[in-house]
């Protein structure tokens, strides 16, 4: 990996293409059969990116990993998404979530996700942020995050569909 840095405004189209490629791969591997899923997921990621680029929220962080002139991964920190808020309700601690953790399928399994996660955790500590949520509805990602973060604090059974659970982790850092 050449560098991990904040995205620039002129890179929005390249990031959108990256999200489409990675989410299409996820849809295939997770066997998601929702016709609108790709557009909604890419739209959500681009909305987060645009808010970051517009500097609408100082707590928002967005990082991009580059390798040989190509985007190979992303990670972000932002206010908790609707699923986390809905599932945790009153239990929700006043903190944000690490999300948009995507690694190009060609580069998965090479430690890139761990590198992105480490860099954003250091950034959070430097900003005085001492904890975060992380959530996932993807089975493959759930296995990865369980190995990395331990057991989730909440599992919403059949949240997305029968057998499609949603998991939420909460971690203190620093």
Protein backbone atom coordinates (compact mmCIF):
# COMPACT_ATOMS: atom_id res chain seq x y z
CA UNK A 1 0.00 0.00 0.00
CA UNK A 2 1.36 3.38 -0.97
CA UNK A 3 -0.62 5.64 1.38
CA UNK A 4 -3.71 6.08 3.51
CA UNK A 5 -5.09 9.61 3.41
CA UNK A 6 -8.21 11.72 3.27
CA UNK A 7 -9.97 11.76 -0.11
CA UNK A 8 -9.99 14.84 -2.31
CA UNK A 9 -13.06 16.29 -3.99
CA UNK A 10 -11.86 15.40 -7.46
CA UNK A 11 -11.68 11.72 -6.44
CA UNK A 12 -15.45 11.34 -5.83
CA UNK A 13 -16.12 9.60 -9.16
CA UNK A 14 -13.25 7.17 -8.64
CA UNK A 15 -14.55 6.41 -5.16
CA UNK A 16 -18.05 5.82 -6.49
CA UNK A 17 -16.67 3.29 -8.99
CA UNK A 18 -14.70 1.66 -6.15
CA UNK A 19 -17.84 1.36 -4.01
CA UNK A 20 -19.80 -0.17 -6.91
CA UNK A 21 -17.07 -2.75 -7.55
CA UNK A 22 -16.68 -3.75 -3.90
CA UNK A 23 -20.40 -3.80 -3.11
CA UNK A 24 -21.15 -5.84 -6.26
CA UNK A 25 -18.58 -8.36 -5.04
CA UNK A 26 -20.19 -8.36 -1.58
CA UNK A 27 -23.65 -8.90 -3.08
CA UNK A 28 -22.35 -11.90 -5.00
CA UNK A 29 -20.49 -13.44 -2.06
CA UNK A 30 -23.32 -12.77 0.42
CA UNK A 31 -25.94 -13.90 -2.13
CA UNK A 32 -28.03 -10.79 -1.59
CA UNK A 33 -31.01 -10.79 -3.92
CA UNK A 34 -32.45 -7.32 -3.41
CA UNK A 35 -32.73 -5.42 -6.70
CA UNK A 36 -32.24 -1.98 -5.13
CA UNK A 37 -29.43 -2.94 -2.75
CA UNK A 38 -26.45 -1.85 -4.87
CA UNK A 39 -27.85 1.61 -5.61
CA UNK A 40 -28.85 2.21 -1.98
CA UNK A 41 -25.52 1.08 -0.55
CA UNK A 42 -23.46 3.08 -3.04
CA UNK A 43 -25.77 6.07 -2.51
CA UNK A 44 -25.30 5.85 1.27
CA UNK A 45 -21.51 5.72 0.93
CA UNK A 46 -21.47 8.65 -1.50
CA UNK A 47 -23.73 10.67 0.83
CA UNK A 48 -21.23 10.07 3.65
CA UNK A 49 -18.35 11.04 1.36
CA UNK A 50 -20.06 14.25 0.23
CA UNK A 51 -20.74 15.27 3.84
CA UNK A 52 -17.11 14.65 4.65
CA UNK A 53 -15.86 16.62 1.64
CA UNK A 54 -18.23 19.48 2.48
CA UNK A 55 -16.74 19.55 6.01
CA UNK A 56 -20.24 19.63 7.51
CA UNK A 57 -19.16 17.76 10.63
CA UNK A 58 -15.76 17.99 12.32
CA UNK A 59 -16.18 14.54 13.91
CA UNK A 60 -16.49 12.93 10.47
CA UNK A 61 -13.37 11.12 9.23
CA UNK A 62 -12.91 9.45 5.86
CA UNK A 63 -9.75 7.68 4.74
CA UNK A 64 -8.75 6.07 1.47
CA UNK A 65 -5.97 3.52 0.89
CA UNK A 66 -4.05 3.85 -2.37
CA UNK A 67 -1.79 1.31 -4.04
CA UNK A 68 -0.10 1.92 -7.40
CA UNK A 69 -2.47 4.75 -8.28
CA UNK A 70 -5.59 2.77 -7.42
CA UNK A 71 -8.01 2.97 -4.49
CA UNK A 72 -7.85 -0.35 -2.65
CA UNK A 73 -9.70 0.42 0.59
CA UNK A 74 -11.74 2.86 2.63
CA UNK A 75 -12.74 3.45 6.23
CA UNK A 76 -14.74 6.17 7.95
CA UNK A 77 -15.95 7.45 11.29
CA UNK A 78 -19.26 9.28 11.55
CA UNK A 79 -22.40 9.50 13.68
CA UNK A 80 -24.08 6.11 14.12
CA UNK A 81 -26.22 4.90 11.25
CA UNK A 82 -29.97 4.26 11.46
CA UNK A 83 -29.60 0.52 12.13
CA UNK A 84 -27.37 1.08 15.18
CA UNK A 85 -29.69 3.78 16.53
CA UNK A 86 -32.77 1.60 15.96
CA UNK A 87 -31.27 -1.55 17.47
CA UNK A 88 -29.63 0.03 20.53
CA UNK A 89 -32.25 2.71 21.21
CA UNK A 90 -31.82 4.12 24.71
CA UNK A 91 -28.72 1.98 25.29
CA UNK A 92 -26.86 4.01 22.65
CA UNK A 93 -23.75 5.62 24.07
CA UNK A 94 -22.95 9.11 22.80
CA UNK A 95 -20.26 8.14 20.31
CA UNK A 96 -19.92 7.50 16.60
CA UNK A 97 -19.14 4.48 14.53
CA UNK A 98 -16.36 3.16 12.37
CA UNK A 99 -17.83 2.17 9.04
CA UNK A 100 -17.39 2.12 5.29
CA UNK A 101 -14.65 -0.46 5.78
CA UNK A 102 -14.23 -1.76 2.25
CA UNK A 103 -11.26 -3.54 0.70
CA UNK A 104 -10.92 -4.21 -3.01
CA UNK A 105 -11.64 -7.92 -3.59
CA UNK A 106 -8.21 -8.35 -5.22
CA UNK A 107 -6.53 -7.12 -2.02
CA UNK A 108 -8.62 -8.86 0.64
CA UNK A 109 -6.76 -11.10 3.06
CA UNK A 110 -3.53 -9.08 2.84
CA UNK A 111 -3.87 -7.05 6.04
CA UNK A 112 -5.26 -3.93 4.37
CA UNK A 113 -8.46 -3.93 6.47
CA UNK A 114 -6.35 -4.20 9.63
CA UNK A 115 -4.10 -1.35 8.47
CA UNK A 116 -7.10 0.91 7.74
CA UNK A 117 -8.63 0.02 11.10
CA UNK A 118 -5.37 0.78 12.94
CA UNK A 119 -4.91 4.14 11.21
CA UNK A 120 -8.45 5.31 12.00
CA UNK A 121 -8.13 4.19 15.64
CA UNK A 122 -4.94 6.26 15.99
CA UNK A 123 -6.76 9.22 14.42
CA UNK A 124 -9.65 8.80 16.88
CA UNK A 125 -7.27 8.68 19.86
CA UNK A 126 -5.50 11.82 18.63
CA UNK A 127 -8.89 13.57 18.49
CA UNK A 128 -9.72 12.48 22.04
CA UNK A 129 -12.37 9.97 20.93
CA UNK A 130 -12.18 7.04 23.32
CA UNK A 131 -14.75 4.59 21.94
CA UNK A 132 -16.66 3.61 18.83
CA UNK A 133 -19.38 1.36 17.50
CA UNK A 134 -18.98 -0.86 14.48
CA UNK A 135 -21.87 -2.75 12.90
CA UNK A 136 -22.32 -5.25 10.11
CA UNK A 137 -25.08 -7.18 8.41
CA UNK A 138 -22.68 -9.11 6.15
CA UNK A 139 -21.86 -12.64 7.36
CA UNK A 140 -18.30 -12.63 6.06
CA UNK A 141 -17.58 -9.27 7.67
CA UNK A 142 -19.23 -10.41 10.91
CA UNK A 143 -16.75 -13.28 11.12
CA UNK A 144 -13.85 -10.90 10.51
CA UNK A 145 -15.00 -8.38 13.13
CA UNK A 146 -15.75 -11.07 15.69
CA UNK A 147 -12.19 -12.36 15.31
CA UNK A 148 -10.82 -8.80 15.55
CA UNK A 149 -13.12 -7.27 18.21
CA UNK A 150 -14.58 -10.24 20.08
CA UNK A 151 -18.26 -10.90 20.59
CA UNK A 152 -20.69 -8.18 19.52
CA UNK A 153 -22.60 -6.27 22.21
CA UNK A 154 -25.84 -6.89 20.33
CA UNK A 155 -27.09 -9.32 17.71
CA UNK A 156 -30.38 -8.35 16.09
CA UNK A 157 -31.67 -11.74 14.92
CA UNK A 158 -33.27 -11.86 11.48
CA UNK A 159 -32.90 -8.07 11.21
CA UNK A 160 -32.54 -8.02 7.42
CA UNK A 161 -34.36 -11.30 6.65
CA UNK A 162 -34.65 -14.81 8.05
CA UNK A 163 -31.12 -15.83 9.02
CA UNK A 164 -29.72 -12.39 8.18
CA UNK A 165 -28.66 -10.98 11.53
CA UNK A 166 -27.18 -7.58 12.24
CA UNK A 167 -24.28 -7.35 14.71
CA UNK A 168 -23.00 -4.37 16.67
CA UNK A 169 -19.69 -4.06 18.50
CA UNK A 170 -18.74 -1.38 21.00
CA UNK A 171 -15.10 -0.81 21.85
CA UNK A 172 -13.12 1.54 24.05
CA UNK A 173 -9.74 2.57 22.70
CA UNK A 174 -6.73 4.44 23.94
